[in-house]
């Protein structure tokens, strides 16, 4: 009788651990989806921003071209949250850093054009982009938090036993590129 109760308890604990792993894996995938949604919003804003700047600063074609090329590169990298590798995450992060840098240069160009800085469309797009960047940061933090919880569960006893049996593997964190860790240089 005691052995039957013990076996049932072990089975119930295993099911509970398995369900917990599924929940955490799903939360991490949802977190990645949140990043994806915000990046799509960012990608959609960029052409409008570029066109607005183009109207005022047509001769800044190198900057505008760099932004569109960085956008194209960033949108070409697709990641499947359920099977992301460290290499894929590094390439994705590098592409996002390139886009952030190009956008920074584009916004710096606007400083040279007083009419552009006062243009309502530009100001609205700039605000939307700033809000989107903030939402991307929030989505990254959420994703990394869920990945942290999932990876802890995959690594700790006794859940690591169930994780190994059912082939749950650790997920990669979304880390920013080294170039984004440097403080921006401001000069007047």
C-alpha atoms as a PDB file:
ATOM      1  CA  UNK A   1       0.000   0.000   0.000  1.00  0.00           C
ATOM      2  CA  UNK A   2       2.749   2.451   0.933  1.00  0.00           C
ATOM      3  CA  UNK A   3       4.654   1.632  -2.272  1.00  0.00           C
ATOM      4  CA  UNK A   4       1.533   2.350  -4.382  1.00  0.00           C
ATOM      5  CA  UNK A   5       1.080   5.710  -2.651  1.00  0.00           C
ATOM      6  CA  UNK A   6       4.773   6.466  -3.205  1.00  0.00           C
ATOM      7  CA  UNK A   7       4.540   5.592  -6.912  1.00  0.00           C
ATOM      8  CA  UNK A   8       1.429   7.753  -7.326  1.00  0.00           C
ATOM      9  CA  UNK A   9       3.165  10.637  -5.513  1.00  0.00           C
ATOM     10  CA  UNK A  10       6.225  10.337  -7.789  1.00  0.00           C
ATOM     11  CA  UNK A  11       4.034  10.263 -10.900  1.00  0.00           C
ATOM     12  CA  UNK A  12       2.053  13.309  -9.718  1.00  0.00           C
ATOM     13  CA  UNK A  13       5.278  15.180  -8.932  1.00  0.00           C
ATOM     14  CA  UNK A  14       6.627  14.298 -12.393  1.00  0.00           C
ATOM     15  CA  UNK A  15       3.455  15.527 -14.081  1.00  0.00           C
ATOM     16  CA  UNK A  16       3.570  18.740 -12.052  1.00  0.00           C
ATOM     17  CA  UNK A  17       7.214  19.346 -13.000  1.00  0.00           C
ATOM     18  CA  UNK A  18       6.497  18.564 -16.658  1.00  0.00           C
ATOM     19  CA  UNK A  19       3.567  20.989 -16.704  1.00  0.00           C
ATOM     20  CA  UNK A  20       5.729  23.642 -15.032  1.00  0.00           C
ATOM     21  CA  UNK A  21       8.374  23.227 -17.731  1.00  0.00           C
ATOM     22  CA  UNK A  22       5.738  23.522 -20.451  1.00  0.00           C
ATOM     23  CA  UNK A  23       4.362  26.687 -18.829  1.00  0.00           C
ATOM     24  CA  UNK A  24       7.797  28.302 -18.564  1.00  0.00           C
ATOM     25  CA  UNK A  25       8.761  27.342 -22.115  1.00  0.00           C
ATOM     26  CA  UNK A  26       5.497  28.808 -23.383  1.00  0.00           C
ATOM     27  CA  UNK A  27       6.085  32.006 -21.383  1.00  0.00           C
ATOM     28  CA  UNK A  28       9.535  32.363 -22.965  1.00  0.00           C
ATOM     29  CA  UNK A  29       8.071  31.853 -26.441  1.00  0.00           C
ATOM     30  CA  UNK A  30       5.383  34.432 -25.642  1.00  0.00           C
ATOM     31  CA  UNK A  31       8.140  36.789 -24.503  1.00  0.00           C
ATOM     32  CA  UNK A  32       9.898  36.373 -27.829  1.00  0.00           C
ATOM     33  CA  UNK A  33       6.626  37.062 -29.605  1.00  0.00           C
ATOM     34  CA  UNK A  34       6.375  40.342 -27.680  1.00  0.00           C
ATOM     35  CA  UNK A  35       9.815  41.357 -28.925  1.00  0.00           C
ATOM     36  CA  UNK A  36       8.802  40.385 -32.443  1.00  0.00           C
ATOM     37  CA  UNK A  37       5.654  42.540 -32.301  1.00  0.00           C
ATOM     38  CA  UNK A  38       7.577  45.605 -31.138  1.00  0.00           C
ATOM     39  CA  UNK A  39      10.315  45.099 -33.724  1.00  0.00           C
ATOM     40  CA  UNK A  40       7.659  44.863 -36.453  1.00  0.00           C
ATOM     41  CA  UNK A  41       6.232  48.162 -35.245  1.00  0.00           C
ATOM     42  CA  UNK A  42       9.723  49.653 -35.357  1.00  0.00           C
ATOM     43  CA  UNK A  43      10.313  48.335 -38.876  1.00  0.00           C
ATOM     44  CA  UNK A  44       6.989  49.803 -40.023  1.00  0.00           C
ATOM     45  CA  UNK A  45       7.806  53.254 -38.602  1.00  0.00           C
ATOM     46  CA  UNK A  46      11.198  53.525 -40.276  1.00  0.00           C
ATOM     47  CA  UNK A  47      10.067  54.085 -43.897  1.00  0.00           C
ATOM     48  CA  UNK A  48       7.727  56.881 -42.759  1.00  0.00           C
ATOM     49  CA  UNK A  49      10.502  58.489 -40.755  1.00  0.00           C
ATOM     50  CA  UNK A  50      12.935  58.222 -43.670  1.00  0.00           C
ATOM     51  CA  UNK A  51      10.431  59.742 -46.108  1.00  0.00           C
ATOM     52  CA  UNK A  52       9.766  62.634 -43.757  1.00  0.00           C
ATOM     53  CA  UNK A  53      13.475  63.339 -43.364  1.00  0.00           C
ATOM     54  CA  UNK A  54      14.006  62.899 -47.108  1.00  0.00           C
ATOM     55  CA  UNK A  55      11.635  65.789 -47.768  1.00  0.00           C
ATOM     56  CA  UNK A  56      13.761  68.136 -45.665  1.00  0.00           C
ATOM     57  CA  UNK A  57      17.235  66.686 -45.983  1.00  0.00           C
ATOM     58  CA  UNK A  58      17.383  65.155 -49.432  1.00  0.00           C
ATOM     59  CA  UNK A  59      21.132  65.430 -49.705  1.00  0.00           C
ATOM     60  CA  UNK A  60      21.607  63.187 -46.648  1.00  0.00           C
ATOM     61  CA  UNK A  61      21.095  60.208 -48.936  1.00  0.00           C
ATOM     62  CA  UNK A  62      23.950  58.166 -47.419  1.00  0.00           C
ATOM     63  CA  UNK A  63      22.328  58.309 -43.989  1.00  0.00           C
ATOM     64  CA  UNK A  64      18.891  57.492 -45.368  1.00  0.00           C
ATOM     65  CA  UNK A  65      20.307  54.616 -47.412  1.00  0.00           C
ATOM     66  CA  UNK A  66      22.157  53.246 -44.362  1.00  0.00           C
ATOM     67  CA  UNK A  67      18.930  53.248 -42.331  1.00  0.00           C
ATOM     68  CA  UNK A  68      17.011  51.368 -45.004  1.00  0.00           C
ATOM     69  CA  UNK A  69      19.846  48.857 -45.484  1.00  0.00           C
ATOM     70  CA  UNK A  70      20.038  48.273 -41.726  1.00  0.00           C
ATOM     71  CA  UNK A  71      16.253  47.809 -41.642  1.00  0.00           C
ATOM     72  CA  UNK A  72      16.424  45.305 -44.499  1.00  0.00           C
ATOM     73  CA  UNK A  73      19.178  43.344 -42.746  1.00  0.00           C
ATOM     74  CA  UNK A  74      17.325  43.370 -39.426  1.00  0.00           C
ATOM     75  CA  UNK A  75      14.069  42.176 -41.000  1.00  0.00           C
ATOM     76  CA  UNK A  76      15.807  39.391 -42.912  1.00  0.00           C
ATOM     77  CA  UNK A  77      16.868  37.526 -39.777  1.00  0.00           C
ATOM     78  CA  UNK A  78      14.084  35.295 -38.505  1.00  0.00           C
ATOM     79  CA  UNK A  79      14.257  33.502 -35.180  1.00  0.00           C
ATOM     80  CA  UNK A  80      12.157  30.587 -33.994  1.00  0.00           C
ATOM     81  CA  UNK A  81      11.887  31.031 -30.216  1.00  0.00           C
ATOM     82  CA  UNK A  82      11.452  27.296 -29.698  1.00  0.00           C
ATOM     83  CA  UNK A  83      14.833  26.415 -31.209  1.00  0.00           C
ATOM     84  CA  UNK A  84      17.030  29.518 -31.175  1.00  0.00           C
ATOM     85  CA  UNK A  85      20.793  28.985 -31.135  1.00  0.00           C
ATOM     86  CA  UNK A  86      23.486  31.217 -29.683  1.00  0.00           C
ATOM     87  CA  UNK A  87      24.734  31.993 -33.202  1.00  0.00           C
ATOM     88  CA  UNK A  88      21.271  32.999 -34.411  1.00  0.00           C
ATOM     89  CA  UNK A  89      20.758  35.186 -31.350  1.00  0.00           C
ATOM     90  CA  UNK A  90      24.157  36.864 -31.874  1.00  0.00           C
ATOM     91  CA  UNK A  91      23.399  37.591 -35.551  1.00  0.00           C
ATOM     92  CA  UNK A  92      19.950  38.899 -34.646  1.00  0.00           C
ATOM     93  CA  UNK A  93      21.334  41.107 -31.883  1.00  0.00           C
ATOM     94  CA  UNK A  94      24.051  42.470 -34.180  1.00  0.00           C
ATOM     95  CA  UNK A  95      21.489  43.341 -36.865  1.00  0.00           C
ATOM     96  CA  UNK A  96      19.325  45.122 -34.286  1.00  0.00           C
ATOM     97  CA  UNK A  97      22.372  47.051 -33.053  1.00  0.00           C
ATOM     98  CA  UNK A  98      23.151  48.126 -36.611  1.00  0.00           C
ATOM     99  CA  UNK A  99      19.614  49.377 -37.029  1.00  0.00           C
ATOM    100  CA  UNK A 100      19.739  51.244 -33.719  1.00  0.00           C
ATOM    101  CA  UNK A 101      22.986  52.916 -34.765  1.00  0.00           C
ATOM    102  CA  UNK A 102      21.598  53.920 -38.155  1.00  0.00           C
ATOM    103  CA  UNK A 103      18.469  55.346 -36.528  1.00  0.00           C
ATOM    104  CA  UNK A 104      20.629  57.305 -34.095  1.00  0.00           C
ATOM    105  CA  UNK A 105      22.509  58.857 -37.013  1.00  0.00           C
ATOM    106  CA  UNK A 106      19.234  59.676 -38.744  1.00  0.00           C
ATOM    107  CA  UNK A 107      17.892  61.444 -35.666  1.00  0.00           C
ATOM    108  CA  UNK A 108      21.205  63.303 -35.321  1.00  0.00           C
ATOM    109  CA  UNK A 109      20.835  64.543 -38.918  1.00  0.00           C
ATOM    110  CA  UNK A 110      17.548  66.133 -37.925  1.00  0.00           C
ATOM    111  CA  UNK A 111      19.407  68.482 -35.592  1.00  0.00           C
ATOM    112  CA  UNK A 112      20.813  70.287 -38.651  1.00  0.00           C
ATOM    113  CA  UNK A 113      17.346  71.059 -40.050  1.00  0.00           C
ATOM    114  CA  UNK A 114      15.269  73.415 -37.889  1.00  0.00           C
ATOM    115  CA  UNK A 115      12.233  73.082 -40.168  1.00  0.00           C
ATOM    116  CA  UNK A 116      12.382  69.305 -39.843  1.00  0.00           C
ATOM    117  CA  UNK A 117      12.681  69.472 -36.067  1.00  0.00           C
ATOM    118  CA  UNK A 118       9.494  71.558 -35.982  1.00  0.00           C
ATOM    119  CA  UNK A 119       7.567  69.337 -38.427  1.00  0.00           C
ATOM    120  CA  UNK A 120       4.594  67.660 -36.714  1.00  0.00           C
ATOM    121  CA  UNK A 121       4.930  64.447 -38.724  1.00  0.00           C
ATOM    122  CA  UNK A 122       8.588  64.138 -37.792  1.00  0.00           C
ATOM    123  CA  UNK A 123       7.921  64.872 -34.123  1.00  0.00           C
ATOM    124  CA  UNK A 124       5.097  62.338 -34.022  1.00  0.00           C
ATOM    125  CA  UNK A 125       7.213  59.673 -35.722  1.00  0.00           C
ATOM    126  CA  UNK A 126      10.116  60.437 -33.403  1.00  0.00           C
ATOM    127  CA  UNK A 127       7.819  60.050 -30.369  1.00  0.00           C
ATOM    128  CA  UNK A 128       6.393  56.797 -31.721  1.00  0.00           C
ATOM    129  CA  UNK A 129       9.891  55.482 -32.345  1.00  0.00           C
ATOM    130  CA  UNK A 130      10.959  56.441 -28.805  1.00  0.00           C
ATOM    131  CA  UNK A 131       7.890  54.690 -27.377  1.00  0.00           C
ATOM    132  CA  UNK A 132       8.586  51.641 -29.523  1.00  0.00           C
ATOM    133  CA  UNK A 133      12.229  51.515 -28.383  1.00  0.00           C
ATOM    134  CA  UNK A 134      10.992  51.622 -24.788  1.00  0.00           C
ATOM    135  CA  UNK A 135       8.514  48.815 -25.497  1.00  0.00           C
ATOM    136  CA  UNK A 136      11.298  46.760 -27.112  1.00  0.00           C
ATOM    137  CA  UNK A 137      13.408  47.167 -23.971  1.00  0.00           C
ATOM    138  CA  UNK A 138      10.466  46.089 -21.828  1.00  0.00           C
ATOM    139  CA  UNK A 139       9.808  43.069 -24.058  1.00  0.00           C
ATOM    140  CA  UNK A 140      13.510  42.113 -23.892  1.00  0.00           C
ATOM    141  CA  UNK A 141      13.439  42.256 -20.102  1.00  0.00           C
ATOM    142  CA  UNK A 142      10.289  40.128 -19.986  1.00  0.00           C
ATOM    143  CA  UNK A 143      11.756  37.586 -22.417  1.00  0.00           C
ATOM    144  CA  UNK A 144      15.034  37.352 -20.517  1.00  0.00           C
ATOM    145  CA  UNK A 145      13.149  36.976 -17.220  1.00  0.00           C
ATOM    146  CA  UNK A 146      11.077  34.102 -18.552  1.00  0.00           C
ATOM    147  CA  UNK A 147      14.163  32.493 -20.104  1.00  0.00           C
ATOM    148  CA  UNK A 148      15.955  32.820 -16.751  1.00  0.00           C
ATOM    149  CA  UNK A 149      13.080  31.085 -14.907  1.00  0.00           C
ATOM    150  CA  UNK A 150      12.861  28.373 -17.570  1.00  0.00           C
ATOM    151  CA  UNK A 151      16.613  27.722 -17.597  1.00  0.00           C
ATOM    152  CA  UNK A 152      16.687  27.507 -13.789  1.00  0.00           C
ATOM    153  CA  UNK A 153      13.904  24.933 -13.900  1.00  0.00           C
ATOM    154  CA  UNK A 154      15.712  22.957 -16.628  1.00  0.00           C
ATOM    155  CA  UNK A 155      18.935  22.917 -14.567  1.00  0.00           C
ATOM    156  CA  UNK A 156      17.703  22.282 -11.024  1.00  0.00           C
ATOM    157  CA  UNK A 157      16.927  18.991  -9.290  1.00  0.00           C
ATOM    158  CA  UNK A 158      14.480  17.261  -9.576  1.00  0.00           C
ATOM    159  CA  UNK A 159      13.052  19.088 -12.580  1.00  0.00           C
ATOM    160  CA  UNK A 160      16.258  18.514 -14.555  1.00  0.00           C
ATOM    161  CA  UNK A 161      15.460  14.786 -14.563  1.00  0.00           C
ATOM    162  CA  UNK A 162      12.095  15.378 -16.238  1.00  0.00           C
ATOM    163  CA  UNK A 163      13.678  18.003 -18.518  1.00  0.00           C
ATOM    164  CA  UNK A 164      16.292  15.500 -19.701  1.00  0.00           C
ATOM    165  CA  UNK A 165      13.750  12.735 -20.233  1.00  0.00           C
ATOM    166  CA  UNK A 166      11.514  14.966 -22.363  1.00  0.00           C
ATOM    167  CA  UNK A 167      14.395  16.842 -24.033  1.00  0.00           C
ATOM    168  CA  UNK A 168      13.720  20.307 -22.662  1.00  0.00           C
ATOM    169  CA  UNK A 169      16.796  22.381 -23.479  1.00  0.00           C
ATOM    170  CA  UNK A 170      17.985  25.724 -22.210  1.00  0.00           C
ATOM    171  CA  UNK A 171      17.087  28.856 -24.170  1.00  0.00           C
ATOM    172  CA  UNK A 172      19.350  31.717 -25.182  1.00  0.00           C
ATOM    173  CA  UNK A 173      19.070  35.141 -23.588  1.00  0.00           C
ATOM    174  CA  UNK A 174      18.582  38.195 -25.774  1.00  0.00           C
ATOM    175  CA  UNK A 175      21.735  40.174 -25.083  1.00  0.00           C
ATOM    176  CA  UNK A 176      22.649  43.471 -26.627  1.00  0.00           C
ATOM    177  CA  UNK A 177      25.745  43.790 -28.746  1.00  0.00           C
ATOM    178  CA  UNK A 178      28.919  45.156 -27.191  1.00  0.00           C
ATOM    179  CA  UNK A 179      28.651  48.319 -29.291  1.00  0.00           C
ATOM    180  CA  UNK A 180      25.341  49.205 -27.622  1.00  0.00           C
ATOM    181  CA  UNK A 181      26.928  48.938 -24.166  1.00  0.00           C
ATOM    182  CA  UNK A 182      29.182  51.910 -24.875  1.00  0.00           C
ATOM    183  CA  UNK A 183      27.992  55.327 -23.763  1.00  0.00           C
ATOM    184  CA  UNK A 184      26.974  57.498 -26.716  1.00  0.00           C
ATOM    185  CA  UNK A 185      29.298  60.348 -27.581  1.00  0.00           C
ATOM    186  CA  UNK A 186      27.633  63.749 -27.553  1.00  0.00           C
ATOM    187  CA  UNK A 187      29.355  66.791 -29.001  1.00  0.00           C
ATOM    188  CA  UNK A 188      28.197  70.321 -29.611  1.00  0.00           C
END
